[in-house]
Amino acid sequence: MDRWLWAVRLTKTRPDAAAACRGGHVRVNDRPVKPATTVSPGDEIRARVGDVTRVVEVVRVIQKRVGAADAATCFIDRTPAPPPEAAIPVARRDRGAGRPTKRERRILDKFRSGQL
């Protein structure tokens, strides 16, 4: 498992892939796996890489790391699109308005903390 994750470039290094497996961040067909688990075509792999959970289906099993173009043919990416983030209004001051007064700073602090 760790070798395949590294070979298809889902993780940067093989030790990172092994640590993700040991930490329970990788699941094959909704079961947690160890680094030595073998994968076969048709398996669905859920791997949390960084802050993103990648969902891929194995198409081809490879043992050695290959180029990015070849690695992309080894799996089908079924990762759902991230939800659109709401635009947070940004407090702006007019150019040349100077530093905020104490009252304006308090209003800005309330705005930033979500109390306003």
PDB file of N, CA and C in Angstrom:
ATOM      1  N   MET A   1       0.819  -1.188   0.000  1.00  0.00           N
ATOM      2  CA  MET A   1       0.000   0.000   0.000  1.00  0.00           C
ATOM      3  C   MET A   1       0.866   1.256   0.000  1.00  0.00           C
ATOM      4  N   ASP A   2       1.847   1.312   0.913  1.00  0.00           N
ATOM      5  CA  ASP A   2       2.658   2.525   0.975  1.00  0.00           C
ATOM      6  C   ASP A   2       3.463   2.714  -0.305  1.00  0.00           C
ATOM      7  N   ARG A   3       3.913   1.624  -0.890  1.00  0.00           N
ATOM      8  CA  ARG A   3       4.687   1.710  -2.132  1.00  0.00           C
ATOM      9  C   ARG A   3       3.807   2.224  -3.265  1.00  0.00           C
ATOM     10  N   TRP A   4       2.562   1.760  -3.336  1.00  0.00           N
ATOM     11  CA  TRP A   4       1.664   2.199  -4.405  1.00  0.00           C
ATOM     12  C   TRP A   4       1.309   3.670  -4.242  1.00  0.00           C
ATOM     13  N   LEU A   5       1.015   4.114  -3.006  1.00  0.00           N
ATOM     14  CA  LEU A   5       0.698   5.520  -2.773  1.00  0.00           C
ATOM     15  C   LEU A   5       1.842   6.424  -3.204  1.00  0.00           C
ATOM     16  N   TRP A   6       3.054   5.981  -2.915  1.00  0.00           N
ATOM     17  CA  TRP A   6       4.232   6.751  -3.294  1.00  0.00           C
ATOM     18  C   TRP A   6       4.475   6.683  -4.803  1.00  0.00           C
ATOM     19  N   ALA A   7       4.274   5.512  -5.404  1.00  0.00           N
ATOM     20  CA  ALA A   7       4.555   5.319  -6.831  1.00  0.00           C
ATOM     21  C   ALA A   7       3.616   6.146  -7.712  1.00  0.00           C
ATOM     22  N   VAL A   8       2.365   6.293  -7.301  1.00  0.00           N
ATOM     23  CA  VAL A   8       1.424   7.068  -8.116  1.00  0.00           C
ATOM     24  C   VAL A   8       1.364   8.529  -7.682  1.00  0.00           C
ATOM     25  N   ARG A   9       2.273   8.919  -6.799  1.00  0.00           N
ATOM     26  CA  ARG A   9       2.471  10.307  -6.405  1.00  0.00           C
ATOM     27  C   ARG A   9       1.313  10.911  -5.611  1.00  0.00           C
ATOM     28  N   LEU A  10       0.642  10.088  -4.800  1.00  0.00           N
ATOM     29  CA  LEU A  10      -0.341  10.636  -3.877  1.00  0.00           C
ATOM     30  C   LEU A  10       0.343  11.197  -2.637  1.00  0.00           C
ATOM     31  N   THR A  11       1.519  10.652  -2.286  1.00  0.00           N
ATOM     32  CA  THR A  11       2.338  11.198  -1.209  1.00  0.00           C
ATOM     33  C   THR A  11       3.704  11.534  -1.769  1.00  0.00           C
ATOM     34  N   LYS A  12       4.392  12.445  -1.100  1.00  0.00           N
ATOM     35  CA  LYS A  12       5.695  12.866  -1.605  1.00  0.00           C
ATOM     36  C   LYS A  12       6.781  11.824  -1.365  1.00  0.00           C
ATOM     37  N   THR A  13       6.736  11.168  -0.203  1.00  0.00           N
ATOM     38  CA  THR A  13       7.762  10.179   0.115  1.00  0.00           C
ATOM     39  C   THR A  13       7.103   8.895   0.587  1.00  0.00           C
ATOM     40  N   ARG A  14       7.842   7.806   0.493  1.00  0.00           N
ATOM     41  CA  ARG A  14       7.311   6.530   0.952  1.00  0.00           C
ATOM     42  C   ARG A  14       7.150   6.505   2.471  1.00  0.00           C
ATOM     43  N   PRO A  15       8.068   7.076   3.252  1.00  0.00           N
ATOM     44  CA  PRO A  15       7.821   7.126   4.698  1.00  0.00           C
ATOM     45  C   PRO A  15       6.554   7.910   5.059  1.00  0.00           C
ATOM     46  N   ASP A  16       6.220   8.940   4.289  1.00  0.00           N
ATOM     47  CA  ASP A  16       4.967   9.667   4.525  1.00  0.00           C
ATOM     48  C   ASP A  16       3.771   8.747   4.284  1.00  0.00           C
ATOM     49  N   ALA A  17       3.844   7.941   3.240  1.00  0.00           N
ATOM     50  CA  ALA A  17       2.755   7.006   2.932  1.00  0.00           C
ATOM     51  C   ALA A  17       2.621   5.960   4.026  1.00  0.00           C
ATOM     52  N   ALA A  18       3.746   5.438   4.509  1.00  0.00           N
ATOM     53  CA  ALA A  18       3.711   4.428   5.575  1.00  0.00           C
ATOM     54  C   ALA A  18       3.153   5.029   6.866  1.00  0.00           C
ATOM     55  N   ALA A  19       3.545   6.252   7.169  1.00  0.00           N
ATOM     56  CA  ALA A  19       3.042   6.908   8.386  1.00  0.00           C
ATOM     57  C   ALA A  19       1.539   7.151   8.285  1.00  0.00           C
ATOM     58  N   ALA A  20       1.058   7.507   7.097  1.00  0.00           N
ATOM     59  CA  ALA A  20      -0.381   7.709   6.910  1.00  0.00           C
ATOM     60  C   ALA A  20      -1.132   6.395   7.110  1.00  0.00           C
ATOM     61  N   CYS A  21      -0.574   5.294   6.628  1.00  0.00           N
ATOM     62  CA  CYS A  21      -1.208   3.979   6.812  1.00  0.00           C
ATOM     63  C   CYS A  21      -1.235   3.599   8.291  1.00  0.00           C
ATOM     64  N   ARG A  22      -0.105   3.768   8.973  1.00  0.00           N
ATOM     65  CA  ARG A  22      -0.042   3.418  10.388  1.00  0.00           C
ATOM     66  C   ARG A  22      -0.951   4.308  11.232  1.00  0.00           C
ATOM     67  N   GLY A  23      -1.140   5.560  10.804  1.00  0.00           N
ATOM     68  CA  GLY A  23      -1.965   6.485  11.560  1.00  0.00           C
ATOM     69  C   GLY A  23      -3.453   6.341  11.293  1.00  0.00           C
ATOM     70  N   GLY A  24      -3.834   5.438  10.407  1.00  0.00           N
ATOM     71  CA  GLY A  24      -5.245   5.221  10.123  1.00  0.00           C
ATOM     72  C   GLY A  24      -5.832   6.209   9.131  1.00  0.00           C
ATOM     73  N   HIS A  25      -4.985   6.895   8.352  1.00  0.00           N
ATOM     74  CA  HIS A  25      -5.458   7.887   7.394  1.00  0.00           C
ATOM     75  C   HIS A  25      -5.711   7.294   6.019  1.00  0.00           C
ATOM     76  N   VAL A  26      -5.431   6.003   5.853  1.00  0.00           N
ATOM     77  CA  VAL A  26      -5.643   5.348   4.566  1.00  0.00           C
ATOM     78  C   VAL A  26      -6.603   4.185   4.770  1.00  0.00           C
ATOM     79  N   ARG A  27      -7.636   4.122   3.914  1.00  0.00           N
ATOM     80  CA  ARG A  27      -8.615   3.048   3.981  1.00  0.00           C
ATOM     81  C   ARG A  27      -8.788   2.465   2.585  1.00  0.00           C
ATOM     82  N   VAL A  28      -8.856   1.134   2.510  1.00  0.00           N
ATOM     83  CA  VAL A  28      -9.133   0.441   1.253  1.00  0.00           C
ATOM     84  C   VAL A  28     -10.480  -0.242   1.413  1.00  0.00           C
ATOM     85  N   ASN A  29     -11.415   0.105   0.530  1.00  0.00           N
ATOM     86  CA  ASN A  29     -12.775  -0.431   0.594  1.00  0.00           C
ATOM     87  C   ASN A  29     -13.364  -0.254   1.995  1.00  0.00           C
ATOM     88  N   ASP A  30     -13.162   0.925   2.565  1.00  0.00           N
ATOM     89  CA  ASP A  30     -13.664   1.309   3.896  1.00  0.00           C
ATOM     90  C   ASP A  30     -13.110   0.479   5.043  1.00  0.00           C
ATOM     91  N   ARG A  31     -11.902  -0.060   4.886  1.00  0.00           N
ATOM     92  CA  ARG A  31     -11.223  -0.770   5.984  1.00  0.00           C
ATOM     93  C   ARG A  31      -9.836  -0.156   6.157  1.00  0.00           C
ATOM     94  N   PRO A  32      -9.431   0.130   7.400  1.00  0.00           N
ATOM     95  CA  PRO A  32      -8.077   0.662   7.595  1.00  0.00           C
ATOM     96  C   PRO A  32      -7.034  -0.373   7.185  1.00  0.00           C
ATOM     97  N   VAL A  33      -5.910   0.094   6.675  1.00  0.00           N
ATOM     98  CA  VAL A  33      -4.886  -0.808   6.160  1.00  0.00           C
ATOM     99  C   VAL A  33      -3.539  -0.542   6.807  1.00  0.00           C
ATOM    100  N   LYS A  34      -2.676  -1.544   6.689  1.00  0.00           N
ATOM    101  CA  LYS A  34      -1.287  -1.414   7.114  1.00  0.00           C
ATOM    102  C   LYS A  34      -0.448  -1.087   5.883  1.00  0.00           C
ATOM    103  N   PRO A  35       0.785  -0.615   6.084  1.00  0.00           N
ATOM    104  CA  PRO A  35       1.623  -0.279   4.929  1.00  0.00           C
ATOM    105  C   PRO A  35       1.900  -1.468   4.008  1.00  0.00           C
ATOM    106  N   ALA A  36       1.903  -2.682   4.525  1.00  0.00           N
ATOM    107  CA  ALA A  36       2.242  -3.850   3.707  1.00  0.00           C
ATOM    108  C   ALA A  36       1.041  -4.438   2.971  1.00  0.00           C
ATOM    109  N   THR A  37      -0.143  -3.864   3.124  1.00  0.00           N
ATOM    110  CA  THR A  37      -1.331  -4.384   2.459  1.00  0.00           C
ATOM    111  C   THR A  37      -1.184  -4.276   0.950  1.00  0.00           C
ATOM    112  N   THR A  38      -1.606  -5.325   0.238  1.00  0.00           N
ATOM    113  CA  THR A  38      -1.539  -5.284  -1.226  1.00  0.00           C
ATOM    114  C   THR A  38      -2.821  -4.681  -1.778  1.00  0.00           C
ATOM    115  N   VAL A  39      -2.689  -4.022  -2.911  1.00  0.00           N
ATOM    116  CA  VAL A  39      -3.850  -3.444  -3.583  1.00  0.00           C
ATOM    117  C   VAL A  39      -4.061  -4.179  -4.895  1.00  0.00           C
ATOM    118  N   SER A  40      -5.288  -4.146  -5.380  1.00  0.00           N
ATOM    119  CA  SER A  40      -5.593  -4.781  -6.660  1.00  0.00           C
ATOM    120  C   SER A  40      -6.502  -3.850  -7.448  1.00  0.00           C
ATOM    121  N   PRO A  41      -6.547  -4.005  -8.750  1.00  0.00           N
ATOM    122  CA  PRO A  41      -7.412  -3.144  -9.560  1.00  0.00           C
ATOM    123  C   PRO A  41      -8.864  -3.245  -9.098  1.00  0.00           C
ATOM    124  N   GLY A  42      -9.516  -2.097  -9.044  1.00  0.00           N
ATOM    125  CA  GLY A  42     -10.899  -2.035  -8.599  1.00  0.00           C
ATOM    126  C   GLY A  42     -11.057  -1.605  -7.155  1.00  0.00           C
ATOM    127  N   ASP A  43      -9.982  -1.600  -6.365  1.00  0.00           N
ATOM    128  CA  ASP A  43     -10.057  -1.174  -4.966  1.00  0.00           C
ATOM    129  C   ASP A  43     -10.299   0.332  -4.901  1.00  0.00           C
ATOM    130  N   GLU A  44     -11.113   0.746  -3.927  1.00  0.00           N
ATOM    131  CA  GLU A  44     -11.318   2.168  -3.680  1.00  0.00           C
ATOM    132  C   GLU A  44     -10.460   2.565  -2.484  1.00  0.00           C
ATOM    133  N   ILE A  45      -9.629   3.572  -2.674  1.00  0.00           N
ATOM    134  CA  ILE A  45      -8.702   4.007  -1.631  1.00  0.00           C
ATOM    135  C   ILE A  45      -9.071   5.410  -1.200  1.00  0.00           C
ATOM    136  N   ARG A  46      -9.217   5.585   0.122  1.00  0.00           N
ATOM    137  CA  ARG A  46      -9.429   6.910   0.716  1.00  0.00           C
ATOM    138  C   ARG A  46      -8.172   7.226   1.508  1.00  0.00           C
ATOM    139  N   ALA A  47      -7.472   8.273   1.105  1.00  0.00           N
ATOM    140  CA  ALA A  47      -6.231   8.647   1.778  1.00  0.00           C
ATOM    141  C   ALA A  47      -6.288  10.127   2.125  1.00  0.00           C
ATOM    142  N   ARG A  48      -6.068  10.429   3.405  1.00  0.00           N
ATOM    143  CA  ARG A  48      -6.005  11.828   3.819  1.00  0.00           C
ATOM    144  C   ARG A  48      -4.576  12.298   3.631  1.00  0.00           C
ATOM    145  N   VAL A  49      -4.392  13.178   2.668  1.00  0.00           N
ATOM    146  CA  VAL A  49      -3.076  13.708   2.336  1.00  0.00           C
ATOM    147  C   VAL A  49      -3.098  15.191   2.654  1.00  0.00           C
ATOM    148  N   GLY A  50      -2.379  15.569   3.685  1.00  0.00           N
ATOM    149  CA  GLY A  50      -2.421  16.964   4.121  1.00  0.00           C
ATOM    150  C   GLY A  50      -3.790  17.262   4.703  1.00  0.00           C
ATOM    151  N   ASP A  51      -4.471  18.249   4.150  1.00  0.00           N
ATOM    152  CA  ASP A  51      -5.803  18.617   4.623  1.00  0.00           C
ATOM    153  C   ASP A  51      -6.911  18.077   3.729  1.00  0.00           C
ATOM    154  N   VAL A  52      -6.540  17.357   2.671  1.00  0.00           N
ATOM    155  CA  VAL A  52      -7.506  16.891   1.683  1.00  0.00           C
ATOM    156  C   VAL A  52      -7.636  15.375   1.765  1.00  0.00           C
ATOM    157  N   THR A  53      -8.864  14.868   1.707  1.00  0.00           N
ATOM    158  CA  THR A  53      -9.091  13.433   1.644  1.00  0.00           C
ATOM    159  C   THR A  53      -9.266  13.067   0.179  1.00  0.00           C
ATOM    160  N   ARG A  54      -8.318  12.312  -0.350  1.00  0.00           N
ATOM    161  CA  ARG A  54      -8.373  11.880  -1.751  1.00  0.00           C
ATOM    162  C   ARG A  54      -9.087  10.550  -1.832  1.00  0.00           C
ATOM    163  N   VAL A  55      -9.989  10.404  -2.782  1.00  0.00           N
ATOM    164  CA  VAL A  55     -10.695   9.158  -3.043  1.00  0.00           C
ATOM    165  C   VAL A  55     -10.319   8.740  -4.453  1.00  0.00           C
ATOM    166  N   VAL A  56      -9.648   7.594  -4.574  1.00  0.00           N
ATOM    167  CA  VAL A  56      -9.207   7.113  -5.882  1.00  0.00           C
ATOM    168  C   VAL A  56      -9.574   5.648  -6.049  1.00  0.00           C
ATOM    169  N   GLU A  57      -9.739   5.250  -7.310  1.00  0.00           N
ATOM    170  CA  GLU A  57      -9.981   3.849  -7.643  1.00  0.00           C
ATOM    171  C   GLU A  57      -8.755   3.332  -8.383  1.00  0.00           C
ATOM    172  N   VAL A  58      -8.254   2.193  -7.947  1.00  0.00           N
ATOM    173  CA  VAL A  58      -7.047   1.622  -8.539  1.00  0.00           C
ATOM    174  C   VAL A  58      -7.393   1.051  -9.907  1.00  0.00           C
ATOM    175  N   VAL A  59      -6.642   1.458 -10.933  1.00  0.00           N
ATOM    176  CA  VAL A  59      -6.808   0.916 -12.278  1.00  0.00           C
ATOM    177  C   VAL A  59      -5.676  -0.049 -12.582  1.00  0.00           C
ATOM    178  N   ARG A  60      -4.465   0.339 -12.175  1.00  0.00           N
ATOM    179  CA  ARG A  60      -3.282  -0.478 -12.471  1.00  0.00           C
ATOM    180  C   ARG A  60      -2.355  -0.432 -11.266  1.00  0.00           C
ATOM    181  N   VAL A  61      -1.782  -1.567 -10.932  1.00  0.00           N
ATOM    182  CA  VAL A  61      -0.858  -1.659  -9.804  1.00  0.00           C
ATOM    183  C   VAL A  61       0.564  -1.552 -10.344  1.00  0.00           C
ATOM    184  N   ILE A  62       1.337  -0.629  -9.780  1.00  0.00           N
ATOM    185  CA  ILE A  62       2.744  -0.485 -10.161  1.00  0.00           C
ATOM    186  C   ILE A  62       3.593  -0.568  -8.898  1.00  0.00           C
ATOM    187  N   GLN A  63       4.833  -0.963  -9.070  1.00  0.00           N
ATOM    188  CA  GLN A  63       5.734  -1.128  -7.937  1.00  0.00           C
ATOM    189  C   GLN A  63       6.767  -0.010  -7.845  1.00  0.00           C
ATOM    190  N   LYS A  64       7.126   0.590  -8.980  1.00  0.00           N
ATOM    191  CA  LYS A  64       8.161   1.620  -8.983  1.00  0.00           C
ATOM    192  C   LYS A  64       7.556   2.964  -9.332  1.00  0.00           C
ATOM    193  N   ARG A  65       8.178   3.997  -8.826  1.00  0.00           N
ATOM    194  CA  ARG A  65       7.702   5.359  -9.074  1.00  0.00           C
ATOM    195  C   ARG A  65       7.918   5.697 -10.547  1.00  0.00           C
ATOM    196  N   VAL A  66       6.886   6.275 -11.150  1.00  0.00           N
ATOM    197  CA  VAL A  66       6.945   6.630 -12.566  1.00  0.00           C
ATOM    198  C   VAL A  66       6.658   8.113 -12.715  1.00  0.00           C
ATOM    199  N   GLY A  67       6.745   8.598 -13.934  1.00  0.00           N
ATOM    200  CA  GLY A  67       6.474  10.010 -14.196  1.00  0.00           C
ATOM    201  C   GLY A  67       5.029  10.366 -13.891  1.00  0.00           C
ATOM    202  N   ALA A  68       4.777  11.646 -13.758  1.00  0.00           N
ATOM    203  CA  ALA A  68       3.447  12.109 -13.379  1.00  0.00           C
ATOM    204  C   ALA A  68       2.395  11.719 -14.412  1.00  0.00           C
ATOM    205  N   ALA A  69       2.737  11.769 -15.694  1.00  0.00           N
ATOM    206  CA  ALA A  69       1.772  11.410 -16.737  1.00  0.00           C
ATOM    207  C   ALA A  69       1.409   9.930 -16.651  1.00  0.00           C
ATOM    208  N   ASP A  70       2.402   9.064 -16.417  1.00  0.00           N
ATOM    209  CA  ASP A  70       2.130   7.630 -16.284  1.00  0.00           C
ATOM    210  C   ASP A  70       1.398   7.324 -14.980  1.00  0.00           C
ATOM    211  N   ALA A  71       1.725   8.037 -13.920  1.00  0.00           N
ATOM    212  CA  ALA A  71       1.081   7.806 -12.629  1.00  0.00           C
ATOM    213  C   ALA A  71      -0.402   8.148 -12.686  1.00  0.00           C
ATOM    214  N   ALA A  72      -0.765   9.143 -13.481  1.00  0.00           N
ATOM    215  CA  ALA A  72      -2.167   9.543 -13.577  1.00  0.00           C
ATOM    216  C   ALA A  72      -3.023   8.472 -14.234  1.00  0.00           C
ATOM    217  N   THR A  73      -2.412   7.575 -14.999  1.00  0.00           N
ATOM    218  CA  THR A  73      -3.178   6.510 -15.655  1.00  0.00           C
ATOM    219  C   THR A  73      -3.393   5.311 -14.742  1.00  0.00           C
ATOM    220  N   CYS A  74      -2.795   5.307 -13.567  1.00  0.00           N
ATOM    221  CA  CYS A  74      -2.891   4.166 -12.651  1.00  0.00           C
ATOM    222  C   CYS A  74      -4.093   4.242 -11.729  1.00  0.00           C
ATOM    223  N   PHE A  75      -4.782   5.374 -11.691  1.00  0.00           N
ATOM    224  CA  PHE A  75      -5.945   5.496 -10.824  1.00  0.00           C
ATOM    225  C   PHE A  75      -6.949   6.464 -11.434  1.00  0.00           C
ATOM    226  N   ILE A  76      -8.197   6.339 -10.972  1.00  0.00           N
ATOM    227  CA  ILE A  76      -9.256   7.264 -11.347  1.00  0.00           C
ATOM    228  C   ILE A  76      -9.558   8.087 -10.104  1.00  0.00           C
ATOM    229  N   ASP A  77      -9.424   9.389 -10.228  1.00  0.00           N
ATOM    230  CA  ASP A  77      -9.628  10.273  -9.078  1.00  0.00           C
ATOM    231  C   ASP A  77     -11.113  10.549  -8.909  1.00  0.00           C
ATOM    232  N   ARG A  78     -11.671  10.123  -7.793  1.00  0.00           N
ATOM    233  CA  ARG A  78     -13.082  10.335  -7.492  1.00  0.00           C
ATOM    234  C   ARG A  78     -13.253  11.278  -6.295  1.00  0.00           C
ATOM    235  N   THR A  79     -12.259  12.105  -6.057  1.00  0.00           N
ATOM    236  CA  THR A  79     -12.305  13.050  -4.951  1.00  0.00           C
ATOM    237  C   THR A  79     -13.400  14.081  -5.210  1.00  0.00           C
ATOM    238  N   PRO A  80     -14.325  14.273  -4.255  1.00  0.00           N
ATOM    239  CA  PRO A  80     -15.373  15.275  -4.474  1.00  0.00           C
ATOM    240  C   PRO A  80     -14.781  16.684  -4.496  1.00  0.00           C
ATOM    241  N   ALA A  81     -15.422  17.548  -5.266  1.00  0.00           N
ATOM    242  CA  ALA A  81     -14.957  18.932  -5.370  1.00  0.00           C
ATOM    243  C   ALA A  81     -15.128  19.629  -4.017  1.00  0.00           C
ATOM    244  N   PRO A  82     -14.184  20.482  -3.658  1.00  0.00           N
ATOM    245  CA  PRO A  82     -14.317  21.189  -2.375  1.00  0.00           C
ATOM    246  C   PRO A  82     -15.508  22.145  -2.429  1.00  0.00           C
ATOM    247  N   PRO A  83     -16.178  22.349  -1.294  1.00  0.00           N
ATOM    248  CA  PRO A  83     -17.326  23.264  -1.288  1.00  0.00           C
ATOM    249  C   PRO A  83     -16.861  24.693  -1.526  1.00  0.00           C
ATOM    250  N   PRO A  84     -17.674  25.482  -2.214  1.00  0.00           N
ATOM    251  CA  PRO A  84     -17.267  26.877  -2.430  1.00  0.00           C
ATOM    252  C   PRO A  84     -17.261  27.622  -1.104  1.00  0.00           C
ATOM    253  N   GLU A  85     -16.232  28.398  -0.907  1.00  0.00           N
ATOM    254  CA  GLU A  85     -16.097  29.128   0.349  1.00  0.00           C
ATOM    255  C   GLU A  85     -16.816  30.467   0.236  1.00  0.00           C
ATOM    256  N   ALA A  86     -17.490  30.820   1.302  1.00  0.00           N
ATOM    257  CA  ALA A  86     -18.213  32.091   1.323  1.00  0.00           C
ATOM    258  C   ALA A  86     -17.212  33.238   1.351  1.00  0.00           C
ATOM    259  N   ALA A  87     -17.511  34.259   0.602  1.00  0.00           N
ATOM    260  CA  ALA A  87     -16.625  35.422   0.567  1.00  0.00           C
ATOM    261  C   ALA A  87     -16.773  36.200   1.866  1.00  0.00           C
ATOM    262  N   ILE A  88     -15.669  36.378   2.551  1.00  0.00           N
ATOM    263  CA  ILE A  88     -15.669  37.116   3.811  1.00  0.00           C
ATOM    264  C   ILE A  88     -15.356  38.573   3.494  1.00  0.00           C
ATOM    265  N   PRO A  89     -16.229  39.480   3.917  1.00  0.00           N
ATOM    266  CA  PRO A  89     -15.949  40.889   3.619  1.00  0.00           C
ATOM    267  C   PRO A  89     -14.689  41.354   4.348  1.00  0.00           C
ATOM    268  N   VAL A  90     -13.924  42.164   3.670  1.00  0.00           N
ATOM    269  CA  VAL A  90     -12.677  42.671   4.226  1.00  0.00           C
ATOM    270  C   VAL A  90     -12.865  44.134   4.596  1.00  0.00           C
ATOM    271  N   ALA A  91     -12.491  44.470   5.806  1.00  0.00           N
ATOM    272  CA  ALA A  91     -12.599  45.855   6.245  1.00  0.00           C
ATOM    273  C   ALA A  91     -11.507  46.673   5.559  1.00  0.00           C
ATOM    274  N   ARG A  92     -11.913  47.720   4.882  1.00  0.00           N
ATOM    275  CA  ARG A  92     -10.962  48.576   4.171  1.00  0.00           C
ATOM    276  C   ARG A  92     -11.118  50.011   4.660  1.00  0.00           C
ATOM    277  N   ARG A  93     -10.006  50.704   4.652  1.00  0.00           N
ATOM    278  CA  ARG A  93     -10.024  52.126   4.990  1.00  0.00           C
ATOM    279  C   ARG A  93      -9.654  52.910   3.752  1.00  0.00           C
ATOM    280  N   ASP A  94     -10.186  54.107   3.678  1.00  0.00           N
ATOM    281  CA  ASP A  94      -9.841  54.970   2.552  1.00  0.00           C
ATOM    282  C   ASP A  94      -8.372  55.347   2.632  1.00  0.00           C
ATOM    283  N   ARG A  95      -7.755  55.454   1.481  1.00  0.00           N
ATOM    284  CA  ARG A  95      -6.350  55.816   1.435  1.00  0.00           C
ATOM    285  C   ARG A  95      -6.183  57.238   1.987  1.00  0.00           C
ATOM    286  N   GLY A  96      -5.220  57.388   2.872  1.00  0.00           N
ATOM    287  CA  GLY A  96      -4.942  58.694   3.460  1.00  0.00           C
ATOM    288  C   GLY A  96      -5.830  59.011   4.649  1.00  0.00           C
ATOM    289  N   ALA A  97      -6.614  58.045   5.122  1.00  0.00           N
ATOM    290  CA  ALA A  97      -7.513  58.301   6.254  1.00  0.00           C
ATOM    291  C   ALA A  97      -6.760  58.263   7.577  1.00  0.00           C
ATOM    292  N   GLY A  98      -5.507  57.843   7.557  1.00  0.00           N
ATOM    293  CA  GLY A  98      -4.725  57.808   8.779  1.00  0.00           C
ATOM    294  C   GLY A  98      -4.994  56.557   9.599  1.00  0.00           C
ATOM    295  N   ARG A  99      -4.419  56.541  10.782  1.00  0.00           N
ATOM    296  CA  ARG A  99      -4.603  55.389  11.661  1.00  0.00           C
ATOM    297  C   ARG A  99      -6.013  55.383  12.216  1.00  0.00           C
ATOM    298  N   PRO A 100      -6.555  54.183  12.514  1.00  0.00           N
ATOM    299  CA  PRO A 100      -7.887  54.139  13.116  1.00  0.00           C
ATOM    300  C   PRO A 100      -7.857  54.689  14.536  1.00  0.00           C
ATOM    301  N   THR A 101      -8.932  55.329  14.916  1.00  0.00           N
ATOM    302  CA  THR A 101      -9.042  55.827  16.282  1.00  0.00           C
ATOM    303  C   THR A 101      -9.316  54.640  17.205  1.00  0.00           C
ATOM    304  N   LYS A 102      -9.299  54.918  18.510  1.00  0.00           N
ATOM    305  CA  LYS A 102      -9.537  53.848  19.469  1.00  0.00           C
ATOM    306  C   LYS A 102     -10.930  53.254  19.267  1.00  0.00           C
ATOM    307  N   ARG A 103     -11.912  54.086  19.015  1.00  0.00           N
ATOM    308  CA  ARG A 103     -13.282  53.621  18.791  1.00  0.00           C
ATOM    309  C   ARG A 103     -13.344  52.750  17.530  1.00  0.00           C
ATOM    310  N   GLU A 104     -12.682  53.195  16.448  1.00  0.00           N
ATOM    311  CA  GLU A 104     -12.682  52.423  15.197  1.00  0.00           C
ATOM    312  C   GLU A 104     -11.971  51.080  15.381  1.00  0.00           C
ATOM    313  N   ARG A 105     -10.899  51.075  16.180  1.00  0.00           N
ATOM    314  CA  ARG A 105     -10.188  49.811  16.439  1.00  0.00           C
ATOM    315  C   ARG A 105     -11.085  48.828  17.165  1.00  0.00           C
ATOM    316  N   ARG A 106     -11.859  49.318  18.149  1.00  0.00           N
ATOM    317  CA  ARG A 106     -12.772  48.434  18.873  1.00  0.00           C
ATOM    318  C   ARG A 106     -13.829  47.852  17.929  1.00  0.00           C
ATOM    319  N   ILE A 107     -14.343  48.677  17.038  1.00  0.00           N
ATOM    320  CA  ILE A 107     -15.327  48.195  16.063  1.00  0.00           C
ATOM    321  C   ILE A 107     -14.694  47.153  15.146  1.00  0.00           C
ATOM    322  N   LEU A 108     -13.465  47.401  14.697  1.00  0.00           N
ATOM    323  CA  LEU A 108     -12.761  46.438  13.840  1.00  0.00           C
ATOM    324  C   LEU A 108     -12.512  45.122  14.578  1.00  0.00           C
ATOM    325  N   ASP A 109     -12.128  45.200  15.831  1.00  0.00           N
ATOM    326  CA  ASP A 109     -11.897  43.981  16.620  1.00  0.00           C
ATOM    327  C   ASP A 109     -13.172  43.173  16.771  1.00  0.00           C
ATOM    328  N   LYS A 110     -14.313  43.845  17.022  1.00  0.00           N
ATOM    329  CA  LYS A 110     -15.580  43.136  17.113  1.00  0.00           C
ATOM    330  C   LYS A 110     -15.930  42.495  15.779  1.00  0.00           C
ATOM    331  N   PHE A 111     -15.666  43.209  14.688  1.00  0.00           N
ATOM    332  CA  PHE A 111     -15.955  42.694  13.352  1.00  0.00           C
ATOM    333  C   PHE A 111     -15.126  41.456  13.058  1.00  0.00           C
ATOM    334  N   ARG A 112     -13.848  41.499  13.407  1.00  0.00           N
ATOM    335  CA  ARG A 112     -12.943  40.368  13.142  1.00  0.00           C
ATOM    336  C   ARG A 112     -13.283  39.147  13.990  1.00  0.00           C
ATOM    337  N   SER A 113     -13.751  39.370  15.221  1.00  0.00           N
ATOM    338  CA  SER A 113     -14.065  38.244  16.105  1.00  0.00           C
ATOM    339  C   SER A 113     -15.441  37.670  15.816  1.00  0.00           C
ATOM    340  N   GLY A 114     -16.210  38.306  14.938  1.00  0.00           N
ATOM    341  CA  GLY A 114     -17.517  37.775  14.575  1.00  0.00           C
ATOM    342  C   GLY A 114     -18.653  38.242  15.448  1.00  0.00           C
ATOM    343  N   GLN A 115     -18.410  39.199  16.307  1.00  0.00           N
ATOM    344  CA  GLN A 115     -19.450  39.686  17.189  1.00  0.00           C
ATOM    345  C   GLN A 115     -20.340  40.709  16.498  1.00  0.00           C
ATOM    346  N   LEU A 116     -19.887  41.241  15.392  1.00  0.00           N
ATOM    347  CA  LEU A 116     -20.677  42.236  14.686  1.00  0.00           C
ATOM    348  C   LEU A 116     -21.406  41.641  13.528  1.00  0.00           C
TER     349      LEU A 116
END
